[in-house]
Amino acid sequence: MHFDKKDIEIYLQGVWAAIDDGKYQIAPRPKNRKLLTDYVISEEKELDIIKSLTPMDFSTAVPNDHKGMEHEILYIFGKDIDLLERFGDKERTVSLYIKFNKISDQYLFVISFHEQEHPLSYYFK
């Protein structure tokens, strides 16, 4: 797939609109919950981070690999954020892995919102 920055800007506008309309869900996956356990971060802060994404944070888009959902495209972003350790007293720069599934313009699933397991490459960097 080929993308230009405008494509990603439009996609992100849809992400932000879904959040503003309350039409989103952050998946309660173990990796996502671990971020909340390891760092002082609220759902409001998660949403602020998502709303701060730009096309420069875009990594790639991939087909959904769940049976029957292959037509859906998942968008992957990365972002470095300073977070306060929950069981410590220092702030640390954390590289986040953020993956979305935006179902038309109806609903946003935040599938992944956790620390990167591997460094991402960025489409526009």
C-alpha atoms as a PDB file:
ATOM      1  CA  MET A   1       0.000   0.000   0.000  1.00  0.00           C
ATOM      2  CA  HIS A   2       1.082   3.522  -0.716  1.00  0.00           C
ATOM      3  CA  PHE A   3       0.210   6.402   1.599  1.00  0.00           C
ATOM      4  CA  ASP A   4       0.818  10.098   1.573  1.00  0.00           C
ATOM      5  CA  LYS A   5       0.683  12.330   4.627  1.00  0.00           C
ATOM      6  CA  LYS A   6      -2.789  13.584   3.689  1.00  0.00           C
ATOM      7  CA  ASP A   7      -4.152   9.997   3.786  1.00  0.00           C
ATOM      8  CA  ILE A   8      -2.896   9.600   7.340  1.00  0.00           C
ATOM      9  CA  GLU A   9      -4.137  13.044   8.395  1.00  0.00           C
ATOM     10  CA  ILE A  10      -7.630  12.094   7.195  1.00  0.00           C
ATOM     11  CA  TYR A  11      -7.424   8.741   8.983  1.00  0.00           C
ATOM     12  CA  LEU A  12      -6.341  10.445  12.226  1.00  0.00           C
ATOM     13  CA  GLN A  13      -9.189  12.959  11.944  1.00  0.00           C
ATOM     14  CA  GLY A  14     -11.571   9.987  11.907  1.00  0.00           C
ATOM     15  CA  VAL A  15      -9.814   8.531  14.959  1.00  0.00           C
ATOM     16  CA  TRP A  16     -10.173  11.806  16.856  1.00  0.00           C
ATOM     17  CA  ALA A  17     -13.831  12.172  15.824  1.00  0.00           C
ATOM     18  CA  ALA A  18     -14.616   8.678  17.135  1.00  0.00           C
ATOM     19  CA  ILE A  19     -12.985   9.567  20.453  1.00  0.00           C
ATOM     20  CA  ASP A  20     -14.831  12.891  20.663  1.00  0.00           C
ATOM     21  CA  ASP A  21     -18.125  11.058  19.961  1.00  0.00           C
ATOM     22  CA  GLY A  22     -17.388   8.374  22.580  1.00  0.00           C
ATOM     23  CA  LYS A  23     -17.364   5.701  19.860  1.00  0.00           C
ATOM     24  CA  TYR A  24     -14.179   3.909  20.858  1.00  0.00           C
ATOM     25  CA  GLN A  25     -12.879   1.118  23.022  1.00  0.00           C
ATOM     26  CA  ILE A  26      -9.360   0.425  24.274  1.00  0.00           C
ATOM     27  CA  ALA A  27      -8.979  -3.341  24.263  1.00  0.00           C
ATOM     28  CA  PRO A  28      -8.390  -4.788  27.741  1.00  0.00           C
ATOM     29  CA  ARG A  29      -5.526  -6.960  26.488  1.00  0.00           C
ATOM     30  CA  PRO A  30      -2.822  -8.016  28.973  1.00  0.00           C
ATOM     31  CA  LYS A  31      -0.125  -5.945  27.204  1.00  0.00           C
ATOM     32  CA  ASN A  32      -2.343  -2.849  27.332  1.00  0.00           C
ATOM     33  CA  ARG A  33      -3.131  -3.398  31.029  1.00  0.00           C
ATOM     34  CA  LYS A  34       0.565  -3.879  31.808  1.00  0.00           C
ATOM     35  CA  LEU A  35       1.256  -0.311  30.649  1.00  0.00           C
ATOM     36  CA  LEU A  36      -1.319   0.911  33.183  1.00  0.00           C
ATOM     37  CA  THR A  37       0.277  -1.237  35.887  1.00  0.00           C
ATOM     38  CA  ASP A  38       3.848  -0.108  35.161  1.00  0.00           C
ATOM     39  CA  TYR A  39       3.192   3.624  34.670  1.00  0.00           C
ATOM     40  CA  VAL A  40       0.965   6.339  36.063  1.00  0.00           C
ATOM     41  CA  ILE A  41      -1.380   6.801  33.128  1.00  0.00           C
ATOM     42  CA  SER A  42      -5.113   7.391  33.001  1.00  0.00           C
ATOM     43  CA  GLU A  43      -7.567   6.790  30.176  1.00  0.00           C
ATOM     44  CA  GLU A  44      -7.629  10.565  29.701  1.00  0.00           C
ATOM     45  CA  LYS A  45      -3.837  10.546  29.218  1.00  0.00           C
ATOM     46  CA  GLU A  46      -4.153   7.634  26.759  1.00  0.00           C
ATOM     47  CA  LEU A  47      -6.674   9.641  24.738  1.00  0.00           C
ATOM     48  CA  ASP A  48      -4.435  12.745  24.871  1.00  0.00           C
ATOM     49  CA  ILE A  49      -1.577  10.643  23.474  1.00  0.00           C
ATOM     50  CA  ILE A  50      -3.799   9.311  20.687  1.00  0.00           C
ATOM     51  CA  LYS A  51      -4.947  12.841  19.862  1.00  0.00           C
ATOM     52  CA  SER A  52      -1.303  13.961  19.690  1.00  0.00           C
ATOM     53  CA  LEU A  53      -0.460  11.477  16.912  1.00  0.00           C
ATOM     54  CA  THR A  54       0.668  12.931  13.593  1.00  0.00           C
ATOM     55  CA  PRO A  55       1.458  11.374  10.211  1.00  0.00           C
ATOM     56  CA  MET A  56       5.122  11.321  11.306  1.00  0.00           C
ATOM     57  CA  ASP A  57       4.144   8.741  13.970  1.00  0.00           C
ATOM     58  CA  PHE A  58       2.643   6.399  11.339  1.00  0.00           C
ATOM     59  CA  SER A  59       4.465   3.124  10.801  1.00  0.00           C
ATOM     60  CA  THR A  60       2.369   0.899   8.551  1.00  0.00           C
ATOM     61  CA  ALA A  61      -1.074  -0.521   7.798  1.00  0.00           C
ATOM     62  CA  VAL A  62      -1.785  -4.241   7.622  1.00  0.00           C
ATOM     63  CA  PRO A  63      -4.805  -6.434   6.880  1.00  0.00           C
ATOM     64  CA  ASN A  64      -6.615  -7.805   9.916  1.00  0.00           C
ATOM     65  CA  ASP A  65      -5.510 -11.435  10.282  1.00  0.00           C
ATOM     66  CA  HIS A  66      -8.676 -12.623  12.047  1.00  0.00           C
ATOM     67  CA  LYS A  67     -10.770 -15.024   9.954  1.00  0.00           C
ATOM     68  CA  GLY A  68     -13.593 -13.202   8.202  1.00  0.00           C
ATOM     69  CA  MET A  69     -12.118  -9.759   8.904  1.00  0.00           C
ATOM     70  CA  GLU A  70      -9.331  -9.732   6.314  1.00  0.00           C
ATOM     71  CA  HIS A  71     -11.002  -6.766   4.560  1.00  0.00           C
ATOM     72  CA  GLU A  72     -10.284  -4.541   7.595  1.00  0.00           C
ATOM     73  CA  ILE A  73      -7.068  -2.541   7.628  1.00  0.00           C
ATOM     74  CA  LEU A  74      -5.217  -1.977  10.912  1.00  0.00           C
ATOM     75  CA  TYR A  75      -3.111   1.169  11.243  1.00  0.00           C
ATOM     76  CA  ILE A  76       0.035   1.100  13.389  1.00  0.00           C
ATOM     77  CA  PHE A  77       1.640   4.122  15.020  1.00  0.00           C
ATOM     78  CA  GLY A  78       4.484   4.657  17.446  1.00  0.00           C
ATOM     79  CA  LYS A  79       5.081   7.491  19.878  1.00  0.00           C
ATOM     80  CA  ASP A  80       7.737   8.282  22.468  1.00  0.00           C
ATOM     81  CA  ILE A  81       6.120   9.588  25.650  1.00  0.00           C
ATOM     82  CA  ASP A  82       7.521  10.525  29.059  1.00  0.00           C
ATOM     83  CA  LEU A  83       5.678   8.543  31.734  1.00  0.00           C
ATOM     84  CA  LEU A  84       6.100   8.320  35.499  1.00  0.00           C
ATOM     85  CA  GLU A  85       6.924   4.845  36.780  1.00  0.00           C
ATOM     86  CA  ARG A  86       4.179   3.615  39.087  1.00  0.00           C
ATOM     87  CA  PHE A  87       6.574   1.838  41.457  1.00  0.00           C
ATOM     88  CA  GLY A  88       9.457   4.240  41.373  1.00  0.00           C
ATOM     89  CA  ASP A  89       9.947   7.928  41.424  1.00  0.00           C
ATOM     90  CA  LYS A  90      11.361   8.673  38.023  1.00  0.00           C
ATOM     91  CA  GLU A  91       9.956   9.600  34.672  1.00  0.00           C
ATOM     92  CA  ARG A  92      11.009   7.516  31.713  1.00  0.00           C
ATOM     93  CA  THR A  93      10.660   7.878  27.953  1.00  0.00           C
ATOM     94  CA  VAL A  94       8.502   4.993  26.768  1.00  0.00           C
ATOM     95  CA  SER A  95       8.153   3.994  23.115  1.00  0.00           C
ATOM     96  CA  LEU A  96       4.518   3.097  22.560  1.00  0.00           C
ATOM     97  CA  TYR A  97       2.986   0.746  19.997  1.00  0.00           C
ATOM     98  CA  ILE A  98      -0.516   1.883  19.050  1.00  0.00           C
ATOM     99  CA  LYS A  99      -2.721  -0.108  16.657  1.00  0.00           C
ATOM    100  CA  PHE A 100      -6.197   0.936  15.509  1.00  0.00           C
ATOM    101  CA  ASN A 101      -9.066  -0.730  13.741  1.00  0.00           C
ATOM    102  CA  LYS A 102     -11.470   1.968  12.559  1.00  0.00           C
ATOM    103  CA  ILE A 103     -14.702   0.321  11.412  1.00  0.00           C
ATOM    104  CA  SER A 104     -15.838   2.657   8.596  1.00  0.00           C
ATOM    105  CA  ASP A 105     -16.622   5.856  10.416  1.00  0.00           C
ATOM    106  CA  GLN A 106     -18.729   4.088  13.016  1.00  0.00           C
ATOM    107  CA  TYR A 107     -16.371   2.876  15.740  1.00  0.00           C
ATOM    108  CA  LEU A 108     -12.709   2.823  16.769  1.00  0.00           C
ATOM    109  CA  PHE A 109     -11.051  -0.160  18.386  1.00  0.00           C
ATOM    110  CA  VAL A 110      -7.715   0.642  19.989  1.00  0.00           C
ATOM    111  CA  ILE A 111      -6.323  -2.864  19.713  1.00  0.00           C
ATOM    112  CA  SER A 112      -2.848  -2.116  21.037  1.00  0.00           C
ATOM    113  CA  PHE A 113      -1.651   0.594  23.387  1.00  0.00           C
ATOM    114  CA  HIS A 114       1.500  -0.696  25.041  1.00  0.00           C
ATOM    115  CA  GLU A 115       5.275  -0.525  25.071  1.00  0.00           C
ATOM    116  CA  GLN A 116       6.921  -1.448  21.797  1.00  0.00           C
ATOM    117  CA  GLU A 117       8.373  -4.946  21.816  1.00  0.00           C
ATOM    118  CA  HIS A 118      10.531  -4.154  18.779  1.00  0.00           C
ATOM    119  CA  PRO A 119      11.547  -0.803  17.317  1.00  0.00           C
ATOM    120  CA  LEU A 120       9.185   0.466  14.638  1.00  0.00           C
ATOM    121  CA  SER A 121      10.144   1.907  11.301  1.00  0.00           C
ATOM    122  CA  TYR A 122       8.217   5.020  10.382  1.00  0.00           C
ATOM    123  CA  TYR A 123       6.673   5.491   6.957  1.00  0.00           C
ATOM    124  CA  PHE A 124       7.488   9.202   6.604  1.00  0.00           C
ATOM    125  CA  LYS A 125      10.816   9.388   8.482  1.00  0.00           C
END
